[in-house]
Amino acid sequence: MNTSWRTKAACIGLEAFTFYPETDEDADKAKEVCALCPVQSACLEYALARREKEGVWGGCTERERRRIIRQRRRTA
């Protein structure tokens, strides 16, 4: 999978702990960064393909990514 999109990510240089909140309710700061990111969709697709278990990727928490995967299975 091509990961060249990472060089354009809005999160470059930010503290990693921002994107690994303790609870989904603490994910707002990360989601704010993701909302402005030019590669948000590529990041989300990467996390979905890799089944990332932790953190905020592409503006979605792990719980939200599981929901997306379930929805895609139903429509496939």
PDB file of N, CA and C in Angstrom:
ATOM      1  N   MET A   1       0.846  -1.179   0.000  1.00  0.00           N
ATOM      2  CA  MET A   1       0.000   0.000   0.000  1.00  0.00           C
ATOM      3  C   MET A   1       0.894   1.247   0.000  1.00  0.00           C
ATOM      4  N   ASN A   2       0.575   2.178  -0.844  1.00  0.00           N
ATOM      5  CA  ASN A   2       1.333   3.416  -0.967  1.00  0.00           C
ATOM      6  C   ASN A   2       1.062   4.308   0.249  1.00  0.00           C
ATOM      7  N   THR A   3       2.128   4.726   0.918  1.00  0.00           N
ATOM      8  CA  THR A   3       1.973   5.585   2.099  1.00  0.00           C
ATOM      9  C   THR A   3       2.598   6.966   1.904  1.00  0.00           C
ATOM     10  N   SER A   4       2.782   7.374   0.660  1.00  0.00           N
ATOM     11  CA  SER A   4       3.372   8.690   0.404  1.00  0.00           C
ATOM     12  C   SER A   4       2.480   9.819   0.906  1.00  0.00           C
ATOM     13  N   TRP A   5       1.213   9.539   1.115  1.00  0.00           N
ATOM     14  CA  TRP A   5       0.287  10.549   1.633  1.00  0.00           C
ATOM     15  C   TRP A   5       0.722  11.061   3.003  1.00  0.00           C
ATOM     16  N   ARG A   6       1.471  10.250   3.723  1.00  0.00           N
ATOM     17  CA  ARG A   6       1.881  10.625   5.085  1.00  0.00           C
ATOM     18  C   ARG A   6       2.681  11.932   5.125  1.00  0.00           C
ATOM     19  N   THR A   7       3.413  12.222   4.083  1.00  0.00           N
ATOM     20  CA  THR A   7       4.231  13.442   4.071  1.00  0.00           C
ATOM     21  C   THR A   7       3.378  14.703   4.026  1.00  0.00           C
ATOM     22  N   LYS A   8       2.104  14.568   3.674  1.00  0.00           N
ATOM     23  CA  LYS A   8       1.201  15.717   3.576  1.00  0.00           C
ATOM     24  C   LYS A   8       0.233  15.794   4.753  1.00  0.00           C
ATOM     25  N   ALA A   9       0.373  14.902   5.706  1.00  0.00           N
ATOM     26  CA  ALA A   9      -0.566  14.822   6.829  1.00  0.00           C
ATOM     27  C   ALA A   9      -0.460  16.030   7.759  1.00  0.00           C
ATOM     28  N   ALA A  10      -1.592  16.484   8.222  1.00  0.00           N
ATOM     29  CA  ALA A  10      -1.647  17.640   9.130  1.00  0.00           C
ATOM     30  C   ALA A  10      -1.059  17.320  10.506  1.00  0.00           C
ATOM     31  N   CYS A  11      -0.937  16.053  10.824  1.00  0.00           N
ATOM     32  CA  CYS A  11      -0.456  15.666  12.149  1.00  0.00           C
ATOM     33  C   CYS A  11       1.068  15.595  12.243  1.00  0.00           C
ATOM     34  N   ILE A  12       1.764  15.780  11.156  1.00  0.00           N
ATOM     35  CA  ILE A  12       3.227  15.713  11.194  1.00  0.00           C
ATOM     36  C   ILE A  12       3.761  16.746  12.186  1.00  0.00           C
ATOM     37  N   GLY A  13       4.594  16.281  13.088  1.00  0.00           N
ATOM     38  CA  GLY A  13       5.211  17.162  14.067  1.00  0.00           C
ATOM     39  C   GLY A  13       4.401  17.373  15.346  1.00  0.00           C
ATOM     40  N   LEU A  14       3.175  16.887  15.372  1.00  0.00           N
ATOM     41  CA  LEU A  14       2.354  17.030  16.574  1.00  0.00           C
ATOM     42  C   LEU A  14       2.634  15.878  17.532  1.00  0.00           C
ATOM     43  N   GLU A  15       2.308  16.085  18.772  1.00  0.00           N
ATOM     44  CA  GLU A  15       2.523  15.061  19.791  1.00  0.00           C
ATOM     45  C   GLU A  15       1.670  13.830  19.493  1.00  0.00           C
ATOM     46  N   ALA A  16       2.297  12.673  19.458  1.00  0.00           N
ATOM     47  CA  ALA A  16       1.586  11.432  19.134  1.00  0.00           C
ATOM     48  C   ALA A  16       0.476  11.129  20.134  1.00  0.00           C
ATOM     49  N   PHE A  17       0.673  11.484  21.399  1.00  0.00           N
ATOM     50  CA  PHE A  17      -0.338  11.168  22.413  1.00  0.00           C
ATOM     51  C   PHE A  17      -1.682  11.818  22.098  1.00  0.00           C
ATOM     52  N   THR A  18      -1.677  12.895  21.332  1.00  0.00           N
ATOM     53  CA  THR A  18      -2.924  13.548  20.928  1.00  0.00           C
ATOM     54  C   THR A  18      -3.810  12.584  20.156  1.00  0.00           C
ATOM     55  N   PHE A  19      -3.190  11.703  19.395  1.00  0.00           N
ATOM     56  CA  PHE A  19      -3.928  10.792  18.521  1.00  0.00           C
ATOM     57  C   PHE A  19      -4.165   9.421  19.146  1.00  0.00           C
ATOM     58  N   TYR A  20      -3.778   9.283  20.385  1.00  0.00           N
ATOM     59  CA  TYR A  20      -4.014   8.052  21.139  1.00  0.00           C
ATOM     60  C   TYR A  20      -4.669   8.391  22.475  1.00  0.00           C
ATOM     61  N   PRO A  21      -5.898   8.936  22.414  1.00  0.00           N
ATOM     62  CA  PRO A  21      -6.585   9.335  23.648  1.00  0.00           C
ATOM     63  C   PRO A  21      -6.996   8.117  24.469  1.00  0.00           C
ATOM     64  N   GLU A  22      -7.167   8.339  25.751  1.00  0.00           N
ATOM     65  CA  GLU A  22      -7.566   7.249  26.650  1.00  0.00           C
ATOM     66  C   GLU A  22      -8.992   6.783  26.386  1.00  0.00           C
ATOM     67  N   THR A  23      -9.866   7.706  26.013  1.00  0.00           N
ATOM     68  CA  THR A  23     -11.252   7.351  25.706  1.00  0.00           C
ATOM     69  C   THR A  23     -11.672   8.035  24.409  1.00  0.00           C
ATOM     70  N   ASP A  24     -12.753   7.554  23.820  1.00  0.00           N
ATOM     71  CA  ASP A  24     -13.276   8.184  22.601  1.00  0.00           C
ATOM     72  C   ASP A  24     -13.695   9.628  22.862  1.00  0.00           C
ATOM     73  N   GLU A  25     -14.144   9.901  24.066  1.00  0.00           N
ATOM     74  CA  GLU A  25     -14.569  11.253  24.422  1.00  0.00           C
ATOM     75  C   GLU A  25     -13.395  12.235  24.424  1.00  0.00           C
ATOM     76  N   ASP A  26     -12.182  11.727  24.597  1.00  0.00           N
ATOM     77  CA  ASP A  26     -10.987  12.569  24.609  1.00  0.00           C
ATOM     78  C   ASP A  26     -10.382  12.746  23.217  1.00  0.00           C
ATOM     79  N   ALA A  27     -11.066  12.306  22.187  1.00  0.00           N
ATOM     80  CA  ALA A  27     -10.518  12.317  20.825  1.00  0.00           C
ATOM     81  C   ALA A  27     -10.792  13.619  20.071  1.00  0.00           C
ATOM     82  N   ASP A  28     -11.444  14.560  20.691  1.00  0.00           N
ATOM     83  CA  ASP A  28     -11.838  15.783  19.980  1.00  0.00           C
ATOM     84  C   ASP A  28     -10.670  16.554  19.387  1.00  0.00           C
ATOM     85  N   LYS A  29      -9.586  16.698  20.121  1.00  0.00           N
ATOM     86  CA  LYS A  29      -8.422  17.452  19.622  1.00  0.00           C
ATOM     87  C   LYS A  29      -7.867  16.788  18.359  1.00  0.00           C
ATOM     88  N   ALA A  30      -7.728  15.484  18.390  1.00  0.00           N
ATOM     89  CA  ALA A  30      -7.225  14.760  17.216  1.00  0.00           C
ATOM     90  C   ALA A  30      -8.180  14.917  16.042  1.00  0.00           C
ATOM     91  N   LYS A  31      -9.457  14.812  16.306  1.00  0.00           N
ATOM     92  CA  LYS A  31     -10.444  14.933  15.240  1.00  0.00           C
ATOM     93  C   LYS A  31     -10.441  16.325  14.621  1.00  0.00           C
ATOM     94  N   GLU A  32     -10.146  17.350  15.415  1.00  0.00           N
ATOM     95  CA  GLU A  32     -10.034  18.710  14.885  1.00  0.00           C
ATOM     96  C   GLU A  32      -8.888  18.808  13.884  1.00  0.00           C
ATOM     97  N   VAL A  33      -7.766  18.185  14.218  1.00  0.00           N
ATOM     98  CA  VAL A  33      -6.621  18.180  13.307  1.00  0.00           C
ATOM     99  C   VAL A  33      -6.984  17.420  12.033  1.00  0.00           C
ATOM    100  N   CYS A  34      -7.595  16.269  12.187  1.00  0.00           N
ATOM    101  CA  CYS A  34      -7.966  15.440  11.046  1.00  0.00           C
ATOM    102  C   CYS A  34      -8.954  16.147  10.121  1.00  0.00           C
ATOM    103  N   ALA A  35      -9.846  16.932  10.697  1.00  0.00           N
ATOM    104  CA  ALA A  35     -10.860  17.623   9.899  1.00  0.00           C
ATOM    105  C   ALA A  35     -10.243  18.584   8.895  1.00  0.00           C
ATOM    106  N   LEU A  36      -9.061  19.084   9.197  1.00  0.00           N
ATOM    107  CA  LEU A  36      -8.379  20.030   8.319  1.00  0.00           C
ATOM    108  C   LEU A  36      -7.308  19.368   7.452  1.00  0.00           C
ATOM    109  N   CYS A  37      -7.157  18.079   7.577  1.00  0.00           N
ATOM    110  CA  CYS A  37      -6.066  17.368   6.914  1.00  0.00           C
ATOM    111  C   CYS A  37      -6.397  17.070   5.452  1.00  0.00           C
ATOM    112  N   PRO A  38      -5.463  17.376   4.543  1.00  0.00           N
ATOM    113  CA  PRO A  38      -5.709  17.121   3.127  1.00  0.00           C
ATOM    114  C   PRO A  38      -5.669  15.634   2.750  1.00  0.00           C
ATOM    115  N   VAL A  39      -5.152  14.800   3.628  1.00  0.00           N
ATOM    116  CA  VAL A  39      -5.054  13.364   3.320  1.00  0.00           C
ATOM    117  C   VAL A  39      -5.897  12.520   4.288  1.00  0.00           C
ATOM    118  N   GLN A  40      -6.930  13.108   4.833  1.00  0.00           N
ATOM    119  CA  GLN A  40      -7.767  12.419   5.812  1.00  0.00           C
ATOM    120  C   GLN A  40      -8.315  11.105   5.266  1.00  0.00           C
ATOM    121  N   SER A  41      -8.829  11.106   4.061  1.00  0.00           N
ATOM    122  CA  SER A  41      -9.436   9.876   3.539  1.00  0.00           C
ATOM    123  C   SER A  41      -8.397   8.788   3.301  1.00  0.00           C
ATOM    124  N   ALA A  42      -7.207   9.153   2.831  1.00  0.00           N
ATOM    125  CA  ALA A  42      -6.142   8.165   2.638  1.00  0.00           C
ATOM    126  C   ALA A  42      -5.716   7.573   3.972  1.00  0.00           C
ATOM    127  N   CYS A  43      -5.645   8.385   4.991  1.00  0.00           N
ATOM    128  CA  CYS A  43      -5.279   7.938   6.329  1.00  0.00           C
ATOM    129  C   CYS A  43      -6.317   6.961   6.869  1.00  0.00           C
ATOM    130  N   LEU A  44      -7.581   7.308   6.694  1.00  0.00           N
ATOM    131  CA  LEU A  44      -8.652   6.436   7.167  1.00  0.00           C
ATOM    132  C   LEU A  44      -8.614   5.099   6.429  1.00  0.00           C
ATOM    133  N   GLU A  45      -8.457   5.123   5.128  1.00  0.00           N
ATOM    134  CA  GLU A  45      -8.415   3.879   4.358  1.00  0.00           C
ATOM    135  C   GLU A  45      -7.226   3.013   4.759  1.00  0.00           C
ATOM    136  N   TYR A  46      -6.109   3.653   5.058  1.00  0.00           N
ATOM    137  CA  TYR A  46      -4.934   2.920   5.532  1.00  0.00           C
ATOM    138  C   TYR A  46      -5.264   2.192   6.837  1.00  0.00           C
ATOM    139  N   ALA A  47      -5.874   2.917   7.770  1.00  0.00           N
ATOM    140  CA  ALA A  47      -6.211   2.330   9.068  1.00  0.00           C
ATOM    141  C   ALA A  47      -7.230   1.207   8.923  1.00  0.00           C
ATOM    142  N   LEU A  48      -8.188   1.380   8.043  1.00  0.00           N
ATOM    143  CA  LEU A  48      -9.184   0.335   7.817  1.00  0.00           C
ATOM    144  C   LEU A  48      -8.543  -0.907   7.216  1.00  0.00           C
ATOM    145  N   ALA A  49      -7.665  -0.716   6.252  1.00  0.00           N
ATOM    146  CA  ALA A  49      -6.999  -1.853   5.608  1.00  0.00           C
ATOM    147  C   ALA A  49      -6.087  -2.590   6.570  1.00  0.00           C
ATOM    148  N   ARG A  50      -5.440  -1.866   7.462  1.00  0.00           N
ATOM    149  CA  ARG A  50      -4.512  -2.462   8.424  1.00  0.00           C
ATOM    150  C   ARG A  50      -5.190  -2.906   9.714  1.00  0.00           C
ATOM    151  N   ARG A  51      -6.476  -2.599   9.838  1.00  0.00           N
ATOM    152  CA  ARG A  51      -7.232  -2.937  11.043  1.00  0.00           C
ATOM    153  C   ARG A  51      -6.551  -2.373  12.292  1.00  0.00           C
ATOM    154  N   GLU A  52      -6.184  -1.094  12.190  1.00  0.00           N
ATOM    155  CA  GLU A  52      -5.551  -0.417  13.330  1.00  0.00           C
ATOM    156  C   GLU A  52      -6.471  -0.510  14.542  1.00  0.00           C
ATOM    157  N   LYS A  53      -5.937  -0.933  15.635  1.00  0.00           N
ATOM    158  CA  LYS A  53      -6.735  -1.161  16.841  1.00  0.00           C
ATOM    159  C   LYS A  53      -6.752   0.030  17.797  1.00  0.00           C
ATOM    160  N   GLU A  54      -5.830   0.943  17.641  1.00  0.00           N
ATOM    161  CA  GLU A  54      -5.736   2.057  18.583  1.00  0.00           C
ATOM    162  C   GLU A  54      -5.597   3.373  17.844  1.00  0.00           C
ATOM    163  N   GLY A  55      -5.979   4.422  18.524  1.00  0.00           N
ATOM    164  CA  GLY A  55      -5.740   5.763  18.023  1.00  0.00           C
ATOM    165  C   GLY A  55      -6.810   6.292  17.088  1.00  0.00           C
ATOM    166  N   VAL A  56      -6.636   7.569  16.764  1.00  0.00           N
ATOM    167  CA  VAL A  56      -7.503   8.251  15.812  1.00  0.00           C
ATOM    168  C   VAL A  56      -6.776   8.287  14.477  1.00  0.00           C
ATOM    169  N   TRP A  57      -7.413   7.750  13.466  1.00  0.00           N
ATOM    170  CA  TRP A  57      -6.861   7.707  12.107  1.00  0.00           C
ATOM    171  C   TRP A  57      -7.926   8.247  11.159  1.00  0.00           C
ATOM    172  N   GLY A  58      -7.561   9.200  10.342  1.00  0.00           N
ATOM    173  CA  GLY A  58      -8.522   9.735   9.389  1.00  0.00           C
ATOM    174  C   GLY A  58      -9.761  10.317  10.041  1.00  0.00           C
ATOM    175  N   GLY A  59      -9.608  10.787  11.256  1.00  0.00           N
ATOM    176  CA  GLY A  59     -10.721  11.410  11.964  1.00  0.00           C
ATOM    177  C   GLY A  59     -11.653  10.445  12.660  1.00  0.00           C
ATOM    178  N   CYS A  60     -11.296   9.165  12.699  1.00  0.00           N
ATOM    179  CA  CYS A  60     -12.165   8.156  13.321  1.00  0.00           C
ATOM    180  C   CYS A  60     -11.446   7.411  14.435  1.00  0.00           C
ATOM    181  N   THR A  61     -12.167   7.168  15.488  1.00  0.00           N
ATOM    182  CA  THR A  61     -11.648   6.352  16.583  1.00  0.00           C
ATOM    183  C   THR A  61     -11.733   4.882  16.190  1.00  0.00           C
ATOM    184  N   GLU A  62     -11.165   4.031  17.006  1.00  0.00           N
ATOM    185  CA  GLU A  62     -11.195   2.601  16.726  1.00  0.00           C
ATOM    186  C   GLU A  62     -12.637   2.092  16.661  1.00  0.00           C
ATOM    187  N   ARG A  63     -13.471   2.546  17.546  1.00  0.00           N
ATOM    188  CA  ARG A  63     -14.884   2.145  17.548  1.00  0.00           C
ATOM    189  C   ARG A  63     -15.570   2.587  16.251  1.00  0.00           C
ATOM    190  N   GLU A  64     -15.304   3.803  15.811  1.00  0.00           N
ATOM    191  CA  GLU A  64     -15.909   4.305  14.573  1.00  0.00           C
ATOM    192  C   GLU A  64     -15.401   3.525  13.350  1.00  0.00           C
ATOM    193  N   ARG A  65     -14.130   3.153  13.374  1.00  0.00           N
ATOM    194  CA  ARG A  65     -13.590   2.360  12.262  1.00  0.00           C
ATOM    195  C   ARG A  65     -14.223   0.973  12.214  1.00  0.00           C
ATOM    196  N   ARG A  66     -14.447   0.362  13.373  1.00  0.00           N
ATOM    197  CA  ARG A  66     -15.129  -0.943  13.401  1.00  0.00           C
ATOM    198  C   ARG A  66     -16.519  -0.827  12.801  1.00  0.00           C
ATOM    199  N   ARG A  67     -17.210   0.260  13.106  1.00  0.00           N
ATOM    200  CA  ARG A  67     -18.544   0.488  12.561  1.00  0.00           C
ATOM    201  C   ARG A  67     -18.494   0.602  11.033  1.00  0.00           C
ATOM    202  N   ILE A  68     -17.518   1.316  10.525  1.00  0.00           N
ATOM    203  CA  ILE A  68     -17.367   1.465   9.064  1.00  0.00           C
ATOM    204  C   ILE A  68     -17.128   0.106   8.417  1.00  0.00           C
ATOM    205  N   ILE A  69     -16.267  -0.687   9.024  1.00  0.00           N
ATOM    206  CA  ILE A  69     -15.973  -2.021   8.477  1.00  0.00           C
ATOM    207  C   ILE A  69     -17.240  -2.870   8.453  1.00  0.00           C
ATOM    208  N   ARG A  70     -18.027  -2.842   9.526  1.00  0.00           N
ATOM    209  CA  ARG A  70     -19.275  -3.614   9.568  1.00  0.00           C
ATOM    210  C   ARG A  70     -20.251  -3.146   8.488  1.00  0.00           C
ATOM    211  N   GLN A  71     -20.360  -1.825   8.311  1.00  0.00           N
ATOM    212  CA  GLN A  71     -21.263  -1.286   7.304  1.00  0.00           C
ATOM    213  C   GLN A  71     -20.820  -1.710   5.899  1.00  0.00           C
ATOM    214  N   ARG A  72     -19.529  -1.688   5.665  1.00  0.00           N
ATOM    215  CA  ARG A  72     -19.032  -2.090   4.345  1.00  0.00           C
ATOM    216  C   ARG A  72     -19.283  -3.560   4.074  1.00  0.00           C
ATOM    217  N   ARG A  73     -19.169  -4.386   5.092  1.00  0.00           N
ATOM    218  CA  ARG A  73     -19.449  -5.827   4.923  1.00  0.00           C
ATOM    219  C   ARG A  73     -20.904  -6.055   4.549  1.00  0.00           C
ATOM    220  N   ARG A  74     -21.789  -5.298   5.187  1.00  0.00           N
ATOM    221  CA  ARG A  74     -23.218  -5.456   4.917  1.00  0.00           C
ATOM    222  C   ARG A  74     -23.584  -5.056   3.486  1.00  0.00           C
ATOM    223  N   THR A  75     -22.914  -4.041   2.967  1.00  0.00           N
ATOM    224  CA  THR A  75     -23.252  -3.547   1.623  1.00  0.00           C
ATOM    225  C   THR A  75     -22.474  -4.268   0.527  1.00  0.00           C
ATOM    226  N   ALA A  76     -21.522  -5.094   0.907  1.00  0.00           N
ATOM    227  CA  ALA A  76     -20.708  -5.788  -0.103  1.00  0.00           C
ATOM    228  C   ALA A  76     -21.425  -6.979  -0.689  1.00  0.00           C
TER     229      ALA A  76
END
